N, C-alpha and C. Protein backbone atom coordinates (compact mmCIF):
# COMPACT_ATOMS: atom_id res chain seq x y z
N MET A 1 0.85 -1.19 0.00
CA MET A 1 0.00 0.00 0.00
C MET A 1 0.89 1.24 0.00
N THR A 2 0.66 2.15 -0.91
CA THR A 2 1.47 3.35 -0.98
C THR A 2 1.07 4.32 0.12
N PRO A 3 1.94 5.32 0.43
CA PRO A 3 1.58 6.30 1.45
C PRO A 3 0.32 7.08 1.12
N SER A 4 -0.04 7.15 -0.17
CA SER A 4 -1.22 7.92 -0.56
C SER A 4 -2.49 7.09 -0.55
N ALA A 5 -2.40 5.81 -0.12
CA ALA A 5 -3.58 4.96 -0.18
C ALA A 5 -3.95 4.44 1.19
N THR A 6 -5.22 4.08 1.34
CA THR A 6 -5.71 3.45 2.55
C THR A 6 -6.44 2.18 2.15
N ALA A 7 -6.85 1.38 3.15
CA ALA A 7 -7.57 0.15 2.85
C ALA A 7 -8.88 0.42 2.14
N ALA A 8 -9.44 1.61 2.37
CA ALA A 8 -10.72 1.95 1.75
C ALA A 8 -10.56 2.50 0.35
N GLY A 9 -9.33 2.77 -0.08
CA GLY A 9 -9.11 3.34 -1.41
C GLY A 9 -8.08 4.44 -1.35
N PRO A 10 -7.74 5.02 -2.49
CA PRO A 10 -6.71 6.04 -2.53
C PRO A 10 -7.13 7.31 -1.82
N ALA A 11 -6.21 7.89 -1.03
CA ALA A 11 -6.51 9.13 -0.32
C ALA A 11 -6.45 10.33 -1.25
N ARG A 12 -5.72 10.20 -2.37
CA ARG A 12 -5.68 11.25 -3.37
C ARG A 12 -5.54 10.58 -4.72
N THR A 13 -5.68 11.37 -5.77
CA THR A 13 -5.68 10.81 -7.11
C THR A 13 -4.28 10.38 -7.53
N PRO A 14 -4.05 9.08 -7.75
CA PRO A 14 -2.71 8.64 -8.16
C PRO A 14 -2.39 9.05 -9.59
N VAL A 15 -1.12 9.29 -9.82
CA VAL A 15 -0.61 9.57 -11.16
C VAL A 15 0.40 8.49 -11.49
N ILE A 16 0.17 7.80 -12.60
CA ILE A 16 1.00 6.66 -12.99
C ILE A 16 1.67 6.98 -14.31
N GLY A 17 2.96 6.83 -14.36
CA GLY A 17 3.71 7.06 -15.59
C GLY A 17 4.21 5.75 -16.16
N ILE A 18 3.98 5.54 -17.45
CA ILE A 18 4.51 4.37 -18.14
C ILE A 18 5.51 4.86 -19.18
N LEU A 19 6.71 4.33 -19.12
CA LEU A 19 7.77 4.78 -20.01
C LEU A 19 7.65 4.08 -21.36
N PHE A 20 7.66 4.85 -22.42
CA PHE A 20 7.71 4.33 -23.78
C PHE A 20 9.04 4.79 -24.40
N PHE A 21 9.66 3.91 -25.17
CA PHE A 21 10.94 4.24 -25.80
C PHE A 21 11.05 3.42 -27.07
N ASP A 22 11.93 3.81 -27.96
CA ASP A 22 12.10 3.08 -29.20
C ASP A 22 12.45 1.62 -28.91
N ASP A 23 11.74 0.72 -29.58
CA ASP A 23 11.90 -0.73 -29.43
C ASP A 23 11.41 -1.26 -28.09
N VAL A 24 10.51 -0.53 -27.44
CA VAL A 24 9.82 -1.10 -26.28
C VAL A 24 8.90 -2.22 -26.78
N GLU A 25 8.78 -3.29 -26.02
CA GLU A 25 7.85 -4.37 -26.36
C GLU A 25 6.43 -3.88 -26.11
N GLU A 26 5.60 -3.96 -27.15
CA GLU A 26 4.28 -3.34 -27.06
C GLU A 26 3.47 -3.78 -25.84
N LEU A 27 3.29 -5.07 -25.66
CA LEU A 27 2.41 -5.53 -24.59
C LEU A 27 2.99 -5.24 -23.20
N ASP A 28 4.32 -5.15 -23.10
CA ASP A 28 4.93 -4.76 -21.82
C ASP A 28 4.35 -3.45 -21.31
N ALA A 29 4.12 -2.53 -22.24
CA ALA A 29 3.63 -1.20 -21.86
C ALA A 29 2.11 -1.09 -21.96
N VAL A 30 1.55 -1.65 -23.03
CA VAL A 30 0.12 -1.47 -23.30
C VAL A 30 -0.73 -2.35 -22.39
N GLY A 31 -0.20 -3.50 -21.95
CA GLY A 31 -0.94 -4.33 -21.00
C GLY A 31 -1.23 -3.59 -19.70
N PRO A 32 -0.19 -3.07 -19.03
CA PRO A 32 -0.45 -2.25 -17.84
C PRO A 32 -1.29 -1.01 -18.14
N TRP A 33 -1.07 -0.40 -19.31
CA TRP A 33 -1.86 0.77 -19.67
C TRP A 33 -3.35 0.43 -19.70
N GLU A 34 -3.71 -0.69 -20.31
CA GLU A 34 -5.12 -1.11 -20.39
C GLU A 34 -5.70 -1.32 -19.00
N VAL A 35 -4.98 -2.04 -18.15
CA VAL A 35 -5.45 -2.32 -16.80
C VAL A 35 -5.67 -1.04 -16.02
N LEU A 36 -4.67 -0.18 -16.01
CA LEU A 36 -4.72 1.02 -15.18
C LEU A 36 -5.69 2.06 -15.73
N SER A 37 -5.80 2.14 -17.06
CA SER A 37 -6.74 3.08 -17.65
C SER A 37 -8.18 2.62 -17.45
N PHE A 38 -8.42 1.31 -17.53
CA PHE A 38 -9.76 0.78 -17.25
C PHE A 38 -10.13 1.06 -15.80
N TRP A 39 -9.20 0.82 -14.91
CA TRP A 39 -9.43 1.13 -13.49
C TRP A 39 -9.82 2.58 -13.31
N ALA A 40 -9.06 3.49 -13.94
CA ALA A 40 -9.33 4.92 -13.79
C ALA A 40 -10.69 5.31 -14.35
N ALA A 41 -11.05 4.73 -15.50
CA ALA A 41 -12.27 5.14 -16.18
C ALA A 41 -13.54 4.50 -15.60
N HIS A 42 -13.42 3.28 -15.05
CA HIS A 42 -14.64 2.53 -14.73
C HIS A 42 -14.76 2.06 -13.29
N VAL A 43 -13.68 2.11 -12.52
CA VAL A 43 -13.71 1.52 -11.19
C VAL A 43 -13.32 2.50 -10.10
N ALA A 44 -12.24 3.22 -10.29
CA ALA A 44 -11.67 4.06 -9.23
C ALA A 44 -12.58 5.23 -8.89
N ALA A 45 -12.57 5.59 -7.62
CA ALA A 45 -13.16 6.86 -7.21
C ALA A 45 -12.19 7.96 -7.60
N GLY A 46 -12.71 9.10 -7.99
CA GLY A 46 -11.81 10.15 -8.44
C GLY A 46 -11.35 9.89 -9.85
N ALA A 47 -10.22 10.43 -10.20
CA ALA A 47 -9.74 10.34 -11.59
C ALA A 47 -8.24 10.09 -11.63
N PRO A 48 -7.81 8.86 -11.34
CA PRO A 48 -6.38 8.55 -11.50
C PRO A 48 -5.95 8.81 -12.95
N ARG A 49 -4.71 9.18 -13.11
CA ARG A 49 -4.19 9.47 -14.44
C ARG A 49 -3.08 8.49 -14.80
N THR A 50 -3.10 8.02 -16.04
CA THR A 50 -2.02 7.21 -16.58
C THR A 50 -1.40 7.98 -17.73
N LEU A 51 -0.10 8.23 -17.65
CA LEU A 51 0.60 9.08 -18.61
C LEU A 51 1.65 8.29 -19.36
N ALA A 52 1.80 8.60 -20.64
CA ALA A 52 2.87 8.03 -21.45
C ALA A 52 4.07 8.98 -21.42
N ILE A 53 5.20 8.47 -21.03
CA ILE A 53 6.43 9.26 -20.93
C ILE A 53 7.46 8.68 -21.89
N SER A 54 8.10 9.51 -22.68
CA SER A 54 9.21 9.06 -23.52
C SER A 54 10.46 9.85 -23.14
N PRO A 55 11.63 9.36 -23.48
CA PRO A 55 12.85 10.06 -23.04
C PRO A 55 12.87 11.53 -23.41
N ASP A 56 12.46 11.88 -24.64
CA ASP A 56 12.52 13.27 -25.08
C ASP A 56 11.15 13.88 -25.34
N GLY A 57 10.09 13.15 -25.02
CA GLY A 57 8.74 13.67 -25.24
C GLY A 57 8.23 13.47 -26.64
N LYS A 58 9.05 12.90 -27.52
CA LYS A 58 8.65 12.68 -28.91
C LYS A 58 8.01 11.30 -29.06
N ASP A 59 7.39 11.08 -30.24
CA ASP A 59 6.79 9.79 -30.53
C ASP A 59 7.87 8.71 -30.51
N VAL A 60 7.45 7.50 -30.21
CA VAL A 60 8.38 6.36 -30.23
C VAL A 60 7.82 5.29 -31.17
N ARG A 61 8.74 4.48 -31.70
CA ARG A 61 8.36 3.34 -32.53
C ARG A 61 8.67 2.09 -31.73
N CYS A 62 7.63 1.32 -31.43
CA CYS A 62 7.78 0.13 -30.59
C CYS A 62 8.40 -1.02 -31.38
N ALA A 63 8.66 -2.12 -30.67
CA ALA A 63 9.43 -3.23 -31.24
C ALA A 63 8.77 -3.83 -32.48
N LYS A 64 7.46 -3.86 -32.52
CA LYS A 64 6.76 -4.48 -33.64
C LYS A 64 6.07 -3.45 -34.54
N GLY A 65 6.48 -2.20 -34.43
CA GLY A 65 6.03 -1.18 -35.36
C GLY A 65 4.96 -0.23 -34.88
N LEU A 66 4.35 -0.50 -33.72
CA LEU A 66 3.35 0.43 -33.20
C LEU A 66 4.00 1.77 -32.85
N ARG A 67 3.36 2.85 -33.25
CA ARG A 67 3.87 4.18 -32.91
C ARG A 67 3.01 4.79 -31.82
N VAL A 68 3.66 5.40 -30.85
CA VAL A 68 2.98 5.93 -29.67
C VAL A 68 3.40 7.37 -29.46
N SER A 69 2.42 8.23 -29.18
CA SER A 69 2.71 9.62 -28.85
C SER A 69 2.82 9.77 -27.34
N ALA A 70 3.80 10.50 -26.89
CA ALA A 70 4.04 10.68 -25.46
C ALA A 70 3.29 11.90 -24.93
N ASP A 71 2.89 11.81 -23.67
CA ASP A 71 2.30 12.96 -22.98
C ASP A 71 3.38 13.88 -22.43
N HIS A 72 4.51 13.29 -22.03
CA HIS A 72 5.57 14.05 -21.39
C HIS A 72 6.92 13.47 -21.74
N SER A 73 7.95 14.28 -21.58
CA SER A 73 9.32 13.78 -21.62
C SER A 73 9.72 13.39 -20.20
N ARG A 74 10.89 12.77 -20.08
CA ARG A 74 11.38 12.46 -18.74
C ARG A 74 11.49 13.73 -17.91
N ASP A 75 11.95 14.81 -18.54
CA ASP A 75 12.25 16.03 -17.78
C ASP A 75 11.02 16.81 -17.36
N ASP A 76 9.93 16.75 -18.15
CA ASP A 76 8.77 17.56 -17.77
C ASP A 76 7.61 16.73 -17.22
N ALA A 77 7.85 15.46 -16.94
CA ALA A 77 6.80 14.62 -16.35
C ALA A 77 6.49 15.11 -14.94
N PRO A 78 5.24 15.06 -14.54
CA PRO A 78 4.87 15.51 -13.19
C PRO A 78 5.31 14.50 -12.13
N ALA A 79 5.10 14.84 -10.88
CA ALA A 79 5.34 13.90 -9.79
C ALA A 79 4.45 12.68 -9.99
N LEU A 80 5.00 11.50 -9.71
CA LEU A 80 4.30 10.25 -9.95
C LEU A 80 4.13 9.46 -8.66
N ASP A 81 3.06 8.67 -8.61
CA ASP A 81 2.89 7.69 -7.54
C ASP A 81 3.46 6.34 -7.94
N VAL A 82 3.43 6.06 -9.25
CA VAL A 82 3.96 4.82 -9.79
C VAL A 82 4.67 5.13 -11.09
N LEU A 83 5.85 4.55 -11.27
CA LEU A 83 6.57 4.62 -12.54
C LEU A 83 6.78 3.19 -13.02
N ILE A 84 6.34 2.89 -14.25
CA ILE A 84 6.48 1.56 -14.82
C ILE A 84 7.48 1.61 -15.97
N HIS A 85 8.51 0.77 -15.88
CA HIS A 85 9.54 0.69 -16.93
C HIS A 85 9.38 -0.63 -17.65
N PRO A 86 8.82 -0.62 -18.88
CA PRO A 86 8.68 -1.87 -19.63
C PRO A 86 10.03 -2.36 -20.16
N GLY A 87 9.97 -3.50 -20.87
CA GLY A 87 11.17 -4.07 -21.46
C GLY A 87 11.10 -4.02 -22.98
N GLY A 88 11.95 -4.82 -23.60
CA GLY A 88 12.04 -4.84 -25.05
C GLY A 88 13.48 -4.64 -25.51
N ARG A 89 13.68 -4.72 -26.81
CA ARG A 89 15.04 -4.59 -27.35
C ARG A 89 15.70 -3.27 -26.96
N GLY A 90 14.91 -2.23 -26.80
CA GLY A 90 15.46 -0.92 -26.49
C GLY A 90 16.08 -0.80 -25.12
N THR A 91 15.87 -1.79 -24.25
CA THR A 91 16.44 -1.69 -22.91
C THR A 91 17.96 -1.82 -22.91
N GLY A 92 18.51 -2.47 -23.94
CA GLY A 92 19.97 -2.61 -24.00
C GLY A 92 20.66 -1.27 -24.00
N ALA A 93 20.17 -0.36 -24.82
CA ALA A 93 20.77 0.99 -24.88
C ALA A 93 20.49 1.77 -23.60
N LEU A 94 19.28 1.64 -23.05
CA LEU A 94 18.93 2.40 -21.85
C LEU A 94 19.75 1.96 -20.64
N ALA A 95 20.10 0.67 -20.58
CA ALA A 95 20.88 0.18 -19.45
C ALA A 95 22.30 0.73 -19.46
N GLU A 96 22.72 1.32 -20.58
CA GLU A 96 24.05 1.93 -20.68
C GLU A 96 23.99 3.44 -20.82
N ASP A 97 22.79 4.00 -20.70
CA ASP A 97 22.57 5.44 -20.86
C ASP A 97 22.65 6.11 -19.49
N ARG A 98 23.75 6.79 -19.22
CA ARG A 98 23.96 7.37 -17.89
C ARG A 98 22.88 8.38 -17.54
N GLU A 99 22.45 9.17 -18.52
CA GLU A 99 21.40 10.17 -18.25
C GLU A 99 20.10 9.48 -17.84
N HIS A 100 19.78 8.39 -18.52
CA HIS A 100 18.55 7.67 -18.19
C HIS A 100 18.64 7.03 -16.81
N LEU A 101 19.78 6.46 -16.50
CA LEU A 101 19.95 5.80 -15.19
C LEU A 101 19.91 6.82 -14.06
N ASP A 102 20.52 7.98 -14.29
CA ASP A 102 20.46 9.04 -13.27
C ASP A 102 19.02 9.48 -13.04
N TRP A 103 18.26 9.58 -14.14
CA TRP A 103 16.85 9.98 -14.03
C TRP A 103 16.06 8.93 -13.25
N LEU A 104 16.30 7.66 -13.55
CA LEU A 104 15.61 6.59 -12.83
C LEU A 104 15.90 6.64 -11.34
N ARG A 105 17.16 6.81 -10.98
CA ARG A 105 17.53 6.87 -9.56
C ARG A 105 16.83 8.03 -8.87
N ALA A 106 16.83 9.19 -9.52
CA ALA A 106 16.19 10.36 -8.92
C ALA A 106 14.68 10.16 -8.79
N ARG A 107 14.07 9.59 -9.82
CA ARG A 107 12.63 9.34 -9.78
C ARG A 107 12.28 8.32 -8.70
N ALA A 108 13.10 7.30 -8.54
CA ALA A 108 12.81 6.26 -7.55
C ALA A 108 12.78 6.83 -6.14
N VAL A 109 13.61 7.82 -5.88
CA VAL A 109 13.63 8.44 -4.55
C VAL A 109 12.31 9.16 -4.29
N ALA A 110 11.75 9.78 -5.33
CA ALA A 110 10.56 10.61 -5.17
C ALA A 110 9.25 9.89 -5.48
N THR A 111 9.32 8.65 -5.97
CA THR A 111 8.14 7.92 -6.42
C THR A 111 7.88 6.73 -5.50
N PRO A 112 6.69 6.62 -4.90
CA PRO A 112 6.43 5.53 -3.96
C PRO A 112 6.66 4.13 -4.52
N ILE A 113 6.29 3.91 -5.81
CA ILE A 113 6.45 2.59 -6.41
C ILE A 113 7.12 2.72 -7.76
N THR A 114 8.21 1.99 -7.94
CA THR A 114 8.86 1.85 -9.24
C THR A 114 8.68 0.41 -9.67
N ALA A 115 8.17 0.19 -10.88
CA ALA A 115 7.88 -1.17 -11.33
C ALA A 115 8.51 -1.41 -12.71
N SER A 116 8.76 -2.67 -13.00
CA SER A 116 9.28 -3.03 -14.32
C SER A 116 8.51 -4.21 -14.87
N VAL A 117 8.51 -4.30 -16.18
CA VAL A 117 7.95 -5.45 -16.89
C VAL A 117 9.06 -6.05 -17.74
N CYS A 118 9.19 -7.38 -17.70
CA CYS A 118 10.13 -8.08 -18.54
C CYS A 118 11.55 -7.55 -18.34
N THR A 119 12.28 -7.25 -19.42
CA THR A 119 13.66 -6.81 -19.30
C THR A 119 13.81 -5.37 -18.83
N GLY A 120 12.71 -4.72 -18.52
CA GLY A 120 12.83 -3.43 -17.84
C GLY A 120 13.58 -3.57 -16.54
N SER A 121 13.54 -4.77 -15.94
CA SER A 121 14.27 -5.01 -14.69
C SER A 121 15.78 -4.88 -14.88
N LEU A 122 16.27 -5.16 -16.09
CA LEU A 122 17.70 -5.02 -16.35
C LEU A 122 18.14 -3.56 -16.27
N VAL A 123 17.25 -2.67 -16.64
CA VAL A 123 17.56 -1.24 -16.54
C VAL A 123 17.50 -0.80 -15.08
N LEU A 124 16.51 -1.30 -14.35
CA LEU A 124 16.46 -1.00 -12.92
C LEU A 124 17.71 -1.53 -12.22
N ALA A 125 18.17 -2.71 -12.63
CA ALA A 125 19.38 -3.27 -12.05
C ALA A 125 20.59 -2.41 -12.37
N ALA A 126 20.68 -1.93 -13.60
CA ALA A 126 21.80 -1.07 -13.99
C ALA A 126 21.82 0.23 -13.20
N ALA A 127 20.63 0.67 -12.77
CA ALA A 127 20.54 1.89 -11.97
C ALA A 127 20.77 1.62 -10.48
N GLY A 128 20.98 0.36 -10.13
CA GLY A 128 21.23 0.01 -8.74
C GLY A 128 19.99 -0.07 -7.88
N LEU A 129 18.82 -0.15 -8.51
CA LEU A 129 17.57 -0.12 -7.75
C LEU A 129 17.13 -1.48 -7.23
N LEU A 130 17.82 -2.54 -7.65
CA LEU A 130 17.42 -3.89 -7.22
C LEU A 130 18.40 -4.54 -6.26
N THR A 131 19.47 -3.86 -5.92
CA THR A 131 20.47 -4.43 -5.02
C THR A 131 19.83 -4.78 -3.67
N GLY A 132 20.06 -6.02 -3.22
CA GLY A 132 19.52 -6.46 -1.94
C GLY A 132 18.05 -6.80 -1.97
N ARG A 133 17.46 -6.82 -3.17
CA ARG A 133 16.04 -7.11 -3.29
C ARG A 133 15.82 -8.39 -4.10
N ARG A 134 14.66 -9.00 -3.91
CA ARG A 134 14.20 -10.06 -4.77
C ARG A 134 13.65 -9.43 -6.04
N ALA A 135 13.88 -10.08 -7.18
CA ALA A 135 13.40 -9.52 -8.44
C ALA A 135 13.29 -10.64 -9.48
N THR A 136 12.51 -10.36 -10.51
CA THR A 136 12.37 -11.32 -11.60
C THR A 136 12.34 -10.59 -12.93
N THR A 137 12.30 -11.37 -14.02
CA THR A 137 12.27 -10.82 -15.36
C THR A 137 11.80 -11.93 -16.30
N HIS A 138 11.86 -11.67 -17.59
CA HIS A 138 11.53 -12.71 -18.58
C HIS A 138 12.44 -13.92 -18.36
N TRP A 139 11.89 -15.11 -18.52
CA TRP A 139 12.65 -16.33 -18.20
C TRP A 139 13.95 -16.43 -18.96
N ARG A 140 13.98 -15.88 -20.18
CA ARG A 140 15.22 -15.95 -20.95
C ARG A 140 16.29 -15.01 -20.42
N SER A 141 15.92 -14.06 -19.60
CA SER A 141 16.86 -13.04 -19.12
C SER A 141 17.18 -13.16 -17.64
N LEU A 142 16.75 -14.25 -17.01
CA LEU A 142 17.03 -14.42 -15.58
C LEU A 142 18.53 -14.46 -15.31
N GLY A 143 19.29 -15.12 -16.19
CA GLY A 143 20.75 -15.15 -16.03
C GLY A 143 21.36 -13.78 -16.20
N LEU A 144 20.85 -13.02 -17.15
CA LEU A 144 21.36 -11.66 -17.36
C LEU A 144 21.08 -10.78 -16.15
N LEU A 145 19.92 -10.99 -15.52
CA LEU A 145 19.60 -10.20 -14.33
C LEU A 145 20.58 -10.52 -13.20
N ALA A 146 20.91 -11.79 -13.04
CA ALA A 146 21.87 -12.18 -12.01
C ALA A 146 23.25 -11.60 -12.30
N GLN A 147 23.62 -11.55 -13.58
CA GLN A 147 24.92 -10.98 -13.95
C GLN A 147 24.96 -9.47 -13.77
N ALA A 148 23.81 -8.83 -14.01
CA ALA A 148 23.76 -7.36 -13.93
C ALA A 148 24.10 -6.86 -12.54
N ASP A 149 23.71 -7.62 -11.52
CA ASP A 149 23.98 -7.22 -10.14
C ASP A 149 23.92 -8.47 -9.26
N PRO A 150 25.09 -8.97 -8.83
CA PRO A 150 25.10 -10.17 -7.98
C PRO A 150 24.36 -9.98 -6.66
N GLY A 151 24.03 -8.75 -6.31
CA GLY A 151 23.31 -8.48 -5.07
C GLY A 151 21.82 -8.68 -5.19
N ILE A 152 21.33 -9.07 -6.36
CA ILE A 152 19.90 -9.32 -6.56
C ILE A 152 19.59 -10.77 -6.24
N ASP A 153 18.52 -10.99 -5.51
CA ASP A 153 18.01 -12.34 -5.26
C ASP A 153 17.03 -12.65 -6.39
N VAL A 154 17.52 -13.31 -7.43
CA VAL A 154 16.71 -13.55 -8.63
C VAL A 154 15.68 -14.64 -8.36
N VAL A 155 14.42 -14.33 -8.64
CA VAL A 155 13.31 -15.26 -8.39
C VAL A 155 12.87 -15.87 -9.71
N HIS A 156 12.89 -17.20 -9.77
CA HIS A 156 12.44 -17.93 -10.95
C HIS A 156 10.96 -18.29 -10.79
N ASP A 157 10.28 -18.43 -11.91
CA ASP A 157 8.90 -18.94 -11.93
C ASP A 157 7.92 -18.09 -11.12
N ALA A 158 8.10 -16.79 -11.14
CA ALA A 158 7.15 -15.87 -10.50
C ALA A 158 6.60 -14.93 -11.56
N ARG A 159 5.31 -14.67 -11.51
CA ARG A 159 4.73 -13.71 -12.45
C ARG A 159 5.17 -12.29 -12.10
N PHE A 160 5.25 -11.99 -10.80
CA PHE A 160 5.78 -10.70 -10.36
C PHE A 160 6.29 -10.87 -8.95
N VAL A 161 7.15 -9.95 -8.55
CA VAL A 161 7.74 -9.94 -7.21
C VAL A 161 7.56 -8.55 -6.64
N ASP A 162 6.87 -8.45 -5.51
CA ASP A 162 6.61 -7.17 -4.86
C ASP A 162 7.55 -7.00 -3.68
N GLU A 163 8.43 -6.01 -3.77
CA GLU A 163 9.36 -5.69 -2.70
C GLU A 163 9.04 -4.35 -2.06
N GLY A 164 7.77 -3.98 -2.10
CA GLY A 164 7.35 -2.73 -1.49
C GLY A 164 7.50 -1.54 -2.43
N ALA A 165 8.64 -0.89 -2.38
CA ALA A 165 8.87 0.27 -3.23
C ALA A 165 9.23 -0.11 -4.65
N VAL A 166 9.57 -1.38 -4.88
CA VAL A 166 9.95 -1.86 -6.21
C VAL A 166 9.20 -3.15 -6.51
N ILE A 167 8.58 -3.20 -7.69
CA ILE A 167 7.90 -4.41 -8.15
C ILE A 167 8.49 -4.77 -9.51
N THR A 168 8.87 -6.02 -9.69
CA THR A 168 9.33 -6.49 -11.00
C THR A 168 8.40 -7.60 -11.46
N SER A 169 8.24 -7.70 -12.77
CA SER A 169 7.40 -8.77 -13.29
C SER A 169 8.15 -9.54 -14.36
N ALA A 170 7.66 -10.73 -14.64
CA ALA A 170 8.23 -11.56 -15.70
C ALA A 170 7.84 -10.97 -17.07
N GLY A 171 7.94 -11.79 -18.11
CA GLY A 171 7.84 -11.24 -19.45
C GLY A 171 6.44 -10.93 -19.95
N VAL A 172 6.37 -9.89 -20.73
CA VAL A 172 5.27 -9.50 -21.59
C VAL A 172 3.91 -9.56 -20.88
N SER A 173 3.16 -10.65 -21.00
CA SER A 173 1.81 -10.69 -20.43
C SER A 173 1.81 -10.63 -18.91
N ALA A 174 2.94 -10.95 -18.28
CA ALA A 174 3.01 -10.88 -16.81
C ALA A 174 2.82 -9.45 -16.33
N GLY A 175 3.05 -8.48 -17.19
CA GLY A 175 2.82 -7.09 -16.81
C GLY A 175 1.36 -6.82 -16.50
N ILE A 176 0.45 -7.59 -17.09
CA ILE A 176 -0.97 -7.43 -16.78
C ILE A 176 -1.24 -7.87 -15.34
N ASP A 177 -0.65 -9.01 -14.96
CA ASP A 177 -0.80 -9.48 -13.57
C ASP A 177 -0.23 -8.46 -12.60
N MET A 178 0.93 -7.91 -12.94
CA MET A 178 1.56 -6.92 -12.07
C MET A 178 0.69 -5.67 -11.96
N ALA A 179 0.10 -5.24 -13.07
CA ALA A 179 -0.74 -4.04 -13.03
C ALA A 179 -2.01 -4.28 -12.21
N LEU A 180 -2.59 -5.46 -12.30
CA LEU A 180 -3.74 -5.78 -11.45
C LEU A 180 -3.34 -5.77 -9.98
N HIS A 181 -2.14 -6.25 -9.70
CA HIS A 181 -1.64 -6.19 -8.32
C HIS A 181 -1.47 -4.74 -7.87
N LEU A 182 -1.03 -3.88 -8.77
CA LEU A 182 -0.92 -2.45 -8.45
C LEU A 182 -2.29 -1.87 -8.10
N VAL A 183 -3.30 -2.23 -8.88
CA VAL A 183 -4.66 -1.75 -8.58
C VAL A 183 -5.08 -2.21 -7.18
N ALA A 184 -4.76 -3.47 -6.86
CA ALA A 184 -5.11 -3.98 -5.52
C ALA A 184 -4.39 -3.18 -4.44
N ARG A 185 -3.14 -2.81 -4.67
CA ARG A 185 -2.42 -2.02 -3.68
C ARG A 185 -2.99 -0.61 -3.56
N LEU A 186 -3.35 -0.02 -4.68
CA LEU A 186 -3.82 1.36 -4.67
C LEU A 186 -5.28 1.49 -4.25
N ASP A 187 -6.09 0.46 -4.57
CA ASP A 187 -7.54 0.62 -4.41
C ASP A 187 -8.22 -0.62 -3.83
N GLY A 188 -7.47 -1.63 -3.47
CA GLY A 188 -8.04 -2.80 -2.84
C GLY A 188 -8.30 -3.96 -3.79
N PRO A 189 -8.34 -5.18 -3.25
CA PRO A 189 -8.55 -6.38 -4.08
C PRO A 189 -9.86 -6.38 -4.85
N ALA A 190 -10.93 -5.81 -4.27
CA ALA A 190 -12.22 -5.80 -4.96
C ALA A 190 -12.13 -4.98 -6.25
N ALA A 191 -11.41 -3.87 -6.19
CA ALA A 191 -11.23 -3.04 -7.39
C ALA A 191 -10.45 -3.80 -8.45
N ALA A 192 -9.40 -4.51 -8.03
CA ALA A 192 -8.62 -5.30 -8.98
C ALA A 192 -9.48 -6.38 -9.62
N ASP A 193 -10.36 -6.99 -8.85
CA ASP A 193 -11.24 -8.02 -9.41
C ASP A 193 -12.22 -7.42 -10.40
N GLN A 194 -12.72 -6.23 -10.13
CA GLN A 194 -13.61 -5.56 -11.08
C GLN A 194 -12.90 -5.29 -12.39
N VAL A 195 -11.65 -4.84 -12.30
CA VAL A 195 -10.89 -4.58 -13.51
C VAL A 195 -10.65 -5.88 -14.27
N ARG A 196 -10.26 -6.92 -13.57
CA ARG A 196 -10.00 -8.21 -14.21
C ARG A 196 -11.23 -8.69 -15.00
N ARG A 197 -12.40 -8.56 -14.37
CA ARG A 197 -13.63 -8.98 -15.04
C ARG A 197 -13.97 -8.04 -16.18
N GLY A 198 -13.72 -6.75 -15.98
CA GLY A 198 -14.05 -5.77 -17.01
C GLY A 198 -13.26 -5.95 -18.29
N ILE A 199 -11.98 -6.27 -18.15
CA ILE A 199 -11.15 -6.48 -19.34
C ILE A 199 -11.18 -7.94 -19.78
N GLN A 200 -11.94 -8.76 -19.08
CA GLN A 200 -12.09 -10.20 -19.34
C GLN A 200 -10.72 -10.88 -19.44
N TYR A 201 -9.91 -10.64 -18.42
CA TYR A 201 -8.60 -11.29 -18.32
C TYR A 201 -8.79 -12.55 -17.50
N GLU A 202 -8.78 -13.69 -18.16
CA GLU A 202 -9.09 -14.96 -17.52
C GLU A 202 -8.06 -16.02 -17.94
N PRO A 203 -6.82 -15.87 -17.54
CA PRO A 203 -5.80 -16.83 -17.95
C PRO A 203 -6.13 -18.24 -17.47
N GLY A 204 -5.93 -19.21 -18.37
CA GLY A 204 -6.19 -20.58 -18.02
C GLY A 204 -7.60 -21.05 -18.26
N ARG A 205 -8.50 -20.11 -18.57
CA ARG A 205 -9.90 -20.50 -18.82
C ARG A 205 -10.09 -20.82 -20.29
N GLY A 206 -10.71 -21.94 -20.58
CA GLY A 206 -10.92 -22.37 -21.96
C GLY A 206 -12.06 -21.63 -22.63
């Protein structure tokens, strides 16, 4: 539960930022976007906001060709309650981008929850945000996560791992599970269940 939330629901309107960048994996970002935007529009009291952030505020081209317009750049994004860093091919460059890593570290200090989807965890690891914490990522990148920072307790076979101020999720569709968990933290399990039913997310059902 974030400092801005209570068991009865959010004490103020949460602002959630999802990072988009060139070669981001579409579902890594759009899955959480769907969950959180549905929550804001149909379930939450008040008007939570979900914002698209890109490094320079310009449009980005995702891994499979989807183009996305950003609401803000990293520098002009407002204060956030949650920051979600998706994965994808573009994370390789971001994990070596000192300006981006500095921004992540600064944002993590001021943001109650920093979350990643898939290989977004490798960027969080490069920024030093996972040291001493349990974390996960896409199954193909679990070894890379361990190499990125030996101080990480890498968790296998988990859809997401909640360490309080930092949440990491496994690959691609696992970001939906993580986003539903975020709704439960921000607004309670009943709200998360309403969202799950509303978007008809029923994994395992024939």
